[in-house]
PDB file of all heavy atoms in Angstrom:
ATOM      1  N   THR A   1      59.728 -30.070  54.398  1.00  0.00           N
ATOM      2  CA  THR A   1      59.200 -28.893  55.092  1.00  0.00           C
ATOM      3  C   THR A   1      58.829 -27.760  54.140  1.00  0.00           C
ATOM      4  O   THR A   1      57.892 -27.008  54.410  1.00  0.00           O
ATOM      5  CB  THR A   1      60.227 -28.349  56.101  1.00  0.00           C
ATOM      6  OG1 THR A   1      61.385 -27.891  55.399  1.00  0.00           O
ATOM      7  CG2 THR A   1      60.613 -29.417  57.109  1.00  0.00           C
ATOM      8  N   GLY A   2      59.588 -27.576  53.074  1.00  0.00           N
ATOM      9  CA  GLY A   2      59.329 -26.458  52.163  1.00  0.00           C
ATOM     10  C   GLY A   2      59.655 -25.109  52.776  1.00  0.00           C
ATOM     11  O   GLY A   2      59.101 -24.083  52.365  1.00  0.00           O
ATOM     12  N   GLN A   3      60.565 -25.070  53.752  1.00  0.00           N
ATOM     13  CA  GLN A   3      60.844 -23.829  54.484  1.00  0.00           C
ATOM     14  C   GLN A   3      62.103 -23.106  54.021  1.00  0.00           C
ATOM     15  O   GLN A   3      62.222 -21.893  54.216  1.00  0.00           O
ATOM     16  CB  GLN A   3      60.977 -24.141  55.980  1.00  0.00           C
ATOM     17  CG  GLN A   3      59.690 -24.657  56.602  1.00  0.00           C
ATOM     18  CD  GLN A   3      59.890 -25.128  58.033  1.00  0.00           C
ATOM     19  OE1 GLN A   3      61.021 -25.275  58.500  1.00  0.00           O
ATOM     20  NE2 GLN A   3      58.799 -25.376  58.724  1.00  0.00           N
ATOM     21  N   VAL A   4      63.053 -23.826  53.433  1.00  0.00           N
ATOM     22  CA  VAL A   4      64.345 -23.206  53.112  1.00  0.00           C
ATOM     23  C   VAL A   4      64.204 -22.117  52.045  1.00  0.00           C
ATOM     24  O   VAL A   4      64.751 -21.017  52.198  1.00  0.00           O
ATOM     25  CB  VAL A   4      65.366 -24.275  52.669  1.00  0.00           C
ATOM     26  CG1 VAL A   4      66.643 -23.606  52.142  1.00  0.00           C
ATOM     27  CG2 VAL A   4      65.708 -25.188  53.841  1.00  0.00           C
ATOM     28  N   GLY A   5      63.468 -22.387  50.978  1.00  0.00           N
ATOM     29  CA  GLY A   5      63.296 -21.383  49.924  1.00  0.00           C
ATOM     30  C   GLY A   5      62.715 -20.074  50.440  1.00  0.00           C
ATOM     31  O   GLY A   5      63.334 -19.009  50.295  1.00  0.00           O
ATOM     32  N   PRO A   6      61.524 -20.117  51.069  1.00  0.00           N
ATOM     33  CA  PRO A   6      60.968 -18.881  51.638  1.00  0.00           C
ATOM     34  C   PRO A   6      61.879 -18.244  52.683  1.00  0.00           C
ATOM     35  O   PRO A   6      61.924 -17.016  52.802  1.00  0.00           O
ATOM     36  CB  PRO A   6      59.647 -19.360  52.265  1.00  0.00           C
ATOM     37  CG  PRO A   6      59.260 -20.536  51.443  1.00  0.00           C
ATOM     38  CD  PRO A   6      60.561 -21.223  51.117  1.00  0.00           C
ATOM     39  N   GLY A   7      62.631 -19.080  53.430  1.00  0.00           N
ATOM     40  CA  GLY A   7      63.561 -18.534  54.419  1.00  0.00           C
ATOM     41  C   GLY A   7      64.665 -17.720  53.771  1.00  0.00           C
ATOM     42  O   GLY A   7      65.056 -16.659  54.272  1.00  0.00           O
ATOM     43  N   ILE A   8      65.174 -18.199  52.646  1.00  0.00           N
ATOM     44  CA  ILE A   8      66.192 -17.461  51.896  1.00  0.00           C
ATOM     45  C   ILE A   8      65.616 -16.135  51.395  1.00  0.00           C
ATOM     46  O   ILE A   8      66.249 -15.077  51.514  1.00  0.00           O
ATOM     47  CB  ILE A   8      66.713 -18.300  50.717  1.00  0.00           C
ATOM     48  CG1 ILE A   8      67.481 -19.523  51.216  1.00  0.00           C
ATOM     49  CG2 ILE A   8      67.591 -17.453  49.797  1.00  0.00           C
ATOM     50  CD1 ILE A   8      67.839 -20.511  50.118  1.00  0.00           C
ATOM     51  N   ALA A   9      64.414 -16.197  50.824  1.00  0.00           N
ATOM     52  CA  ALA A   9      63.778 -14.991  50.281  1.00  0.00           C
ATOM     53  C   ALA A   9      63.574 -13.946  51.360  1.00  0.00           C
ATOM     54  O   ALA A   9      63.784 -12.744  51.142  1.00  0.00           O
ATOM     55  CB  ALA A   9      62.448 -15.354  49.629  1.00  0.00           C
ATOM     56  N   ARG A  10      63.157 -14.397  52.549  1.00  0.00           N
ATOM     57  CA  ARG A  10      62.933 -13.456  53.662  1.00  0.00           C
ATOM     58  C   ARG A  10      64.243 -12.770  54.054  1.00  0.00           C
ATOM     59  O   ARG A  10      64.263 -11.567  54.322  1.00  0.00           O
ATOM     60  CB  ARG A  10      62.346 -14.211  54.853  1.00  0.00           C
ATOM     61  CG  ARG A  10      62.129 -13.338  56.085  1.00  0.00           C
ATOM     62  CD  ARG A  10      61.060 -12.286  55.825  1.00  0.00           C
ATOM     63  NE  ARG A  10      60.869 -11.433  56.977  1.00  0.00           N
ATOM     64  CZ  ARG A  10      61.598 -10.336  57.250  1.00  0.00           C
ATOM     65  NH1 ARG A  10      62.581  -9.990  56.425  1.00  0.00           N
ATOM     66  NH2 ARG A  10      61.340  -9.610  58.305  1.00  0.00           N
ATOM     67  N   ARG A  11      65.324 -13.525  54.092  1.00  0.00           N
ATOM     68  CA  ARG A  11      66.607 -12.938  54.486  1.00  0.00           C
ATOM     69  C   ARG A  11      67.125 -11.978  53.418  1.00  0.00           C
ATOM     70  O   ARG A  11      67.762 -10.967  53.729  1.00  0.00           O
ATOM     71  CB  ARG A  11      67.622 -14.044  54.752  1.00  0.00           C
ATOM     72  CG  ARG A  11      67.283 -14.922  55.957  1.00  0.00           C
ATOM     73  CD  ARG A  11      68.321 -16.003  56.142  1.00  0.00           C
ATOM     74  NE  ARG A  11      67.973 -16.975  57.174  1.00  0.00           N
ATOM     75  CZ  ARG A  11      68.150 -16.801  58.475  1.00  0.00           C
ATOM     76  NH1 ARG A  11      68.664 -15.658  58.907  1.00  0.00           N
ATOM     77  NH2 ARG A  11      67.826 -17.736  59.343  1.00  0.00           N
ATOM     78  N   LEU A  12      66.865 -12.285  52.136  1.00  0.00           N
ATOM     79  CA  LEU A  12      67.305 -11.417  51.046  1.00  0.00           C
ATOM     80  C   LEU A  12      66.341 -10.265  50.792  1.00  0.00           C
ATOM     81  O   LEU A  12      66.634  -9.366  49.997  1.00  0.00           O
ATOM     82  CB  LEU A  12      67.463 -12.235  49.754  1.00  0.00           C
ATOM     83  CG  LEU A  12      68.624 -13.226  49.704  1.00  0.00           C
ATOM     84  CD1 LEU A  12      68.514 -14.113  48.469  1.00  0.00           C
ATOM     85  CD2 LEU A  12      69.958 -12.492  49.707  1.00  0.00           C
ATOM     86  N   ASP A  13      65.159 -10.324  51.431  1.00  0.00           N
ATOM     87  CA  ASP A  13      64.113  -9.316  51.260  1.00  0.00           C
ATOM     88  C   ASP A  13      63.672  -9.220  49.797  1.00  0.00           C
ATOM     89  O   ASP A  13      63.578  -8.135  49.212  1.00  0.00           O
ATOM     90  CB  ASP A  13      64.597  -7.947  51.753  1.00  0.00           C
ATOM     91  CG  ASP A  13      63.435  -6.956  51.921  1.00  0.00           C
ATOM     92  OD1 ASP A  13      62.285  -7.409  52.109  1.00  0.00           O
ATOM     93  OD2 ASP A  13      63.678  -5.735  51.857  1.00  0.00           O
ATOM     94  N   ILE A  14      63.415 -10.400  49.203  1.00  0.00           N
ATOM     95  CA  ILE A  14      62.882 -10.457  47.841  1.00  0.00           C
ATOM     96  C   ILE A  14      61.591 -11.274  47.867  1.00  0.00           C
ATOM     97  O   ILE A  14      61.366 -12.063  48.788  1.00  0.00           O
ATOM     98  CB  ILE A  14      63.887 -11.095  46.858  1.00  0.00           C
ATOM     99  CG1 ILE A  14      64.230 -12.540  47.268  1.00  0.00           C
ATOM    100  CG2 ILE A  14      65.153 -10.252  46.762  1.00  0.00           C
ATOM    101  CD1 ILE A  14      65.126 -13.269  46.278  1.00  0.00           C
ATOM    102  N   PRO A  15      60.701 -11.080  46.883  1.00  0.00           N
ATOM    103  CA  PRO A  15      59.426 -11.795  46.901  1.00  0.00           C
ATOM    104  C   PRO A  15      59.584 -13.292  46.663  1.00  0.00           C
ATOM    105  O   PRO A  15      60.270 -13.690  45.711  1.00  0.00           O
ATOM    106  CB  PRO A  15      58.616 -11.138  45.776  1.00  0.00           C
ATOM    107  CG  PRO A  15      59.629 -10.498  44.898  1.00  0.00           C
ATOM    108  CD  PRO A  15      60.770 -10.103  45.777  1.00  0.00           C
ATOM    109  N   PRO A  16      58.976 -14.140  47.512  1.00  0.00           N
ATOM    110  CA  PRO A  16      58.951 -15.587  47.254  1.00  0.00           C
ATOM    111  C   PRO A  16      57.627 -15.982  46.599  1.00  0.00           C
ATOM    112  O   PRO A  16      56.572 -15.472  46.976  1.00  0.00           O
ATOM    113  CB  PRO A  16      59.046 -16.181  48.660  1.00  0.00           C
ATOM    114  CG  PRO A  16      58.349 -15.175  49.535  1.00  0.00           C
ATOM    115  CD  PRO A  16      58.504 -13.825  48.875  1.00  0.00           C
ATOM    116  N   VAL A  17      57.679 -16.854  45.628  1.00  0.00           N
ATOM    117  CA  VAL A  17      56.464 -17.402  45.008  1.00  0.00           C
ATOM    118  C   VAL A  17      56.577 -18.916  45.081  1.00  0.00           C
ATOM    119  O   VAL A  17      57.477 -19.502  44.488  1.00  0.00           O
ATOM    120  CB  VAL A  17      56.295 -16.940  43.547  1.00  0.00           C
ATOM    121  CG1 VAL A  17      54.956 -17.439  43.001  1.00  0.00           C
ATOM    122  CG2 VAL A  17      56.381 -15.426  43.441  1.00  0.00           C
ATOM    123  N   THR A  18      55.674 -19.550  45.815  1.00  0.00           N
ATOM    124  CA  THR A  18      55.761 -20.991  46.055  1.00  0.00           C
ATOM    125  C   THR A  18      54.819 -21.776  45.147  1.00  0.00           C
ATOM    126  O   THR A  18      53.922 -21.223  44.533  1.00  0.00           O
ATOM    127  CB  THR A  18      55.421 -21.302  47.516  1.00  0.00           C
ATOM    128  OG1 THR A  18      54.101 -20.802  47.811  1.00  0.00           O
ATOM    129  CG2 THR A  18      56.413 -20.633  48.460  1.00  0.00           C
ATOM    130  N   ASN A  19      55.052 -23.094  45.070  1.00  0.00           N
ATOM    131  CA  ASN A  19      54.189 -24.027  44.342  1.00  0.00           C
ATOM    132  C   ASN A  19      54.002 -23.626  42.877  1.00  0.00           C
ATOM    133  O   ASN A  19      52.911 -23.701  42.328  1.00  0.00           O
ATOM    134  CB  ASN A  19      52.820 -24.138  45.020  1.00  0.00           C
ATOM    135  CG  ASN A  19      52.925 -24.594  46.456  1.00  0.00           C
ATOM    136  OD1 ASN A  19      52.977 -23.774  47.369  1.00  0.00           O
ATOM    137  ND2 ASN A  19      52.945 -25.897  46.689  1.00  0.00           N
ATOM    138  N   VAL A  20      55.091 -23.211  42.247  1.00  0.00           N
ATOM    139  CA  VAL A  20      55.030 -22.747  40.857  1.00  0.00           C
ATOM    140  C   VAL A  20      54.912 -23.944  39.910  1.00  0.00           C
ATOM    141  O   VAL A  20      55.654 -24.922  40.034  1.00  0.00           O
ATOM    142  CB  VAL A  20      56.278 -21.907  40.514  1.00  0.00           C
ATOM    143  CG1 VAL A  20      56.280 -21.522  39.033  1.00  0.00           C
ATOM    144  CG2 VAL A  20      56.338 -20.666  41.394  1.00  0.00           C
ATOM    145  N   ILE A  21      53.979 -23.849  38.979  1.00  0.00           N
ATOM    146  CA  ILE A  21      53.819 -24.907  37.985  1.00  0.00           C
ATOM    147  C   ILE A  21      54.076 -24.412  36.556  1.00  0.00           C
ATOM    148  O   ILE A  21      54.113 -25.209  35.619  1.00  0.00           O
ATOM    149  CB  ILE A  21      52.414 -25.549  38.049  1.00  0.00           C
ATOM    150  CG1 ILE A  21      51.322 -24.512  37.783  1.00  0.00           C
ATOM    151  CG2 ILE A  21      52.196 -26.240  39.394  1.00  0.00           C
ATOM    152  CD1 ILE A  21      49.945 -25.126  37.604  1.00  0.00           C
ATOM    153  N   GLU A  22      54.279 -23.098  36.398  1.00  0.00           N
ATOM    154  CA  GLU A  22      54.573 -22.573  35.058  1.00  0.00           C
ATOM    155  C   GLU A  22      55.193 -21.183  35.179  1.00  0.00           C
ATOM    156  O   GLU A  22      54.702 -20.342  35.930  1.00  0.00           O
ATOM    157  CB  GLU A  22      53.298 -22.487  34.213  1.00  0.00           C
ATOM    158  CG  GLU A  22      53.529 -21.998  32.795  1.00  0.00           C
ATOM    159  CD  GLU A  22      52.240 -21.893  31.986  1.00  0.00           C
ATOM    160  OE1 GLU A  22      51.208 -22.431  32.435  1.00  0.00           O
ATOM    161  OE2 GLU A  22      52.271 -21.269  30.918  1.00  0.00           O
ATOM    162  N   VAL A  23      56.272 -20.972  34.439  1.00  0.00           N
ATOM    163  CA  VAL A  23      56.834 -19.631  34.272  1.00  0.00           C
ATOM    164  C   VAL A  23      56.450 -19.191  32.872  1.00  0.00           C
ATOM    165  O   VAL A  23      57.024 -19.635  31.885  1.00  0.00           O
ATOM    166  CB  VAL A  23      58.366 -19.633  34.461  1.00  0.00           C
ATOM    167  CG1 VAL A  23      58.924 -18.234  34.233  1.00  0.00           C
ATOM    168  CG2 VAL A  23      58.732 -20.128  35.859  1.00  0.00           C
ATOM    169  N   SER A  24      55.435 -18.318  32.796  1.00  0.00           N
ATOM    170  CA  SER A  24      54.835 -17.983  31.501  1.00  0.00           C
ATOM    171  C   SER A  24      55.659 -16.989  30.709  1.00  0.00           C
ATOM    172  O   SER A  24      55.774 -17.089  29.479  1.00  0.00           O
ATOM    173  CB  SER A  24      53.423 -17.414  31.717  1.00  0.00           C
ATOM    174  OG  SER A  24      52.620 -18.303  32.454  1.00  0.00           O
ATOM    175  N   GLU A  25      56.232 -16.007  31.391  1.00  0.00           N
ATOM    176  CA  GLU A  25      56.928 -14.935  30.675  1.00  0.00           C
ATOM    177  C   GLU A  25      57.964 -14.293  31.576  1.00  0.00           C
ATOM    178  O   GLU A  25      57.720 -14.057  32.768  1.00  0.00           O
ATOM    179  CB  GLU A  25      55.912 -13.884  30.216  1.00  0.00           C
ATOM    180  CG  GLU A  25      56.499 -12.693  29.496  1.00  0.00           C
ATOM    181  CD  GLU A  25      55.452 -11.637  29.172  1.00  0.00           C
ATOM    182  OE1 GLU A  25      54.291 -12.006  28.913  1.00  0.00           O
ATOM    183  OE2 GLU A  25      55.807 -10.447  29.187  1.00  0.00           O
ATOM    184  N   VAL A  26      59.134 -14.005  31.019  1.00  0.00           N
ATOM    185  CA  VAL A  26      60.170 -13.256  31.723  1.00  0.00           C
ATOM    186  C   VAL A  26      60.460 -12.001  30.917  1.00  0.00           C
ATOM    187  O   VAL A  26      60.870 -12.074  29.755  1.00  0.00           O
ATOM    188  CB  VAL A  26      61.460 -14.087  31.895  1.00  0.00           C
ATOM    189  CG1 VAL A  26      62.542 -13.240  32.567  1.00  0.00           C
ATOM    190  CG2 VAL A  26      61.184 -15.344  32.713  1.00  0.00           C
ATOM    191  N   ASN A  27      60.219 -10.832  31.507  1.00  0.00           N
ATOM    192  CA  ASN A  27      60.442  -9.550  30.842  1.00  0.00           C
ATOM    193  C   ASN A  27      61.698  -8.915  31.416  1.00  0.00           C
ATOM    194  O   ASN A  27      61.695  -8.375  32.527  1.00  0.00           O
ATOM    195  CB  ASN A  27      59.226  -8.637  31.057  1.00  0.00           C
ATOM    196  CG  ASN A  27      59.275  -7.395  30.186  1.00  0.00           C
ATOM    197  OD1 ASN A  27      60.330  -6.784  30.019  1.00  0.00           O
ATOM    198  ND2 ASN A  27      58.133  -7.001  29.631  1.00  0.00           N
ATOM    199  N   LEU A  28      62.796  -8.999  30.665  1.00  0.00           N
ATOM    200  CA  LEU A  28      64.073  -8.497  31.153  1.00  0.00           C
ATOM    201  C   LEU A  28      64.105  -6.974  31.215  1.00  0.00           C
ATOM    202  O   LEU A  28      64.787  -6.396  32.074  1.00  0.00           O
ATOM    203  CB  LEU A  28      65.207  -9.005  30.265  1.00  0.00           C
ATOM    204  CG  LEU A  28      65.453 -10.517  30.279  1.00  0.00           C
ATOM    205  CD1 LEU A  28      66.594 -10.883  29.344  1.00  0.00           C
ATOM    206  CD2 LEU A  28      65.758 -11.003  31.686  1.00  0.00           C
ATOM    207  N   GLU A  29      63.372  -6.313  30.327  1.00  0.00           N
ATOM    208  CA  GLU A  29      63.361  -4.849  30.321  1.00  0.00           C
ATOM    209  C   GLU A  29      62.655  -4.303  31.556  1.00  0.00           C
ATOM    210  O   GLU A  29      63.131  -3.366  32.206  1.00  0.00           O
ATOM    211  CB  GLU A  29      62.690  -4.326  29.049  1.00  0.00           C
ATOM    212  CG  GLU A  29      63.474  -4.611  27.776  1.00  0.00           C
ATOM    213  CD  GLU A  29      62.811  -4.015  26.556  1.00  0.00           C
ATOM    214  OE1 GLU A  29      61.745  -3.353  26.711  1.00  0.00           O
ATOM    215  OE2 GLU A  29      63.351  -4.182  25.447  1.00  0.00           O
ATOM    216  N   GLU A  30      61.511  -4.874  31.880  1.00  0.00           N
ATOM    217  CA  GLU A  30      60.736  -4.396  33.031  1.00  0.00           C
ATOM    218  C   GLU A  30      61.106  -5.127  34.319  1.00  0.00           C
ATOM    219  O   GLU A  30      60.586  -4.801  35.387  1.00  0.00           O
ATOM    220  CB  GLU A  30      59.240  -4.545  32.757  1.00  0.00           C
ATOM    221  CG  GLU A  30      58.747  -3.707  31.579  1.00  0.00           C
ATOM    222  CD  GLU A  30      57.253  -3.828  31.371  1.00  0.00           C
ATOM    223  OE1 GLU A  30      56.588  -4.470  32.228  1.00  0.00           O
ATOM    224  OE2 GLU A  30      56.736  -3.278  30.381  1.00  0.00           O
ATOM    225  N   LYS A  31      61.977  -6.130  34.206  1.00  0.00           N
ATOM    226  CA  LYS A  31      62.410  -6.922  35.362  1.00  0.00           C
ATOM    227  C   LYS A  31      61.221  -7.560  36.081  1.00  0.00           C
ATOM    228  O   LYS A  31      61.091  -7.477  37.308  1.00  0.00           O
ATOM    229  CB  LYS A  31      63.207  -6.052  36.341  1.00  0.00           C
ATOM    230  CG  LYS A  31      64.590  -5.658  35.854  1.00  0.00           C
ATOM    231  CD  LYS A  31      65.525  -6.862  35.897  1.00  0.00           C
ATOM    232  CE  LYS A  31      66.949  -6.497  35.510  1.00  0.00           C
ATOM    233  NZ  LYS A  31      67.869  -7.647  35.589  1.00  0.00           N
ATOM    234  N   THR A  32      60.346  -8.204  35.307  1.00  0.00           N
ATOM    235  CA  THR A  32      59.190  -8.885  35.887  1.00  0.00           C
ATOM    236  C   THR A  32      59.093 -10.299  35.340  1.00  0.00           C
ATOM    237  O   THR A  32      59.646 -10.612  34.272  1.00  0.00           O
ATOM    238  CB  THR A  32      57.871  -8.148  35.581  1.00  0.00           C
ATOM    239  OG1 THR A  32      57.691  -8.076  34.151  1.00  0.00           O
ATOM    240  CG2 THR A  32      57.872  -6.751  36.175  1.00  0.00           C
TER     241      THR A  32
END
């Protein structure tokens, strides 16, 4: 179904990003 992940994000009120194929950069200072 692919519903549990977005369902968790909705309950936590955080942004969900689906169908990810690459995490290019994590900026800990800017939290992005």
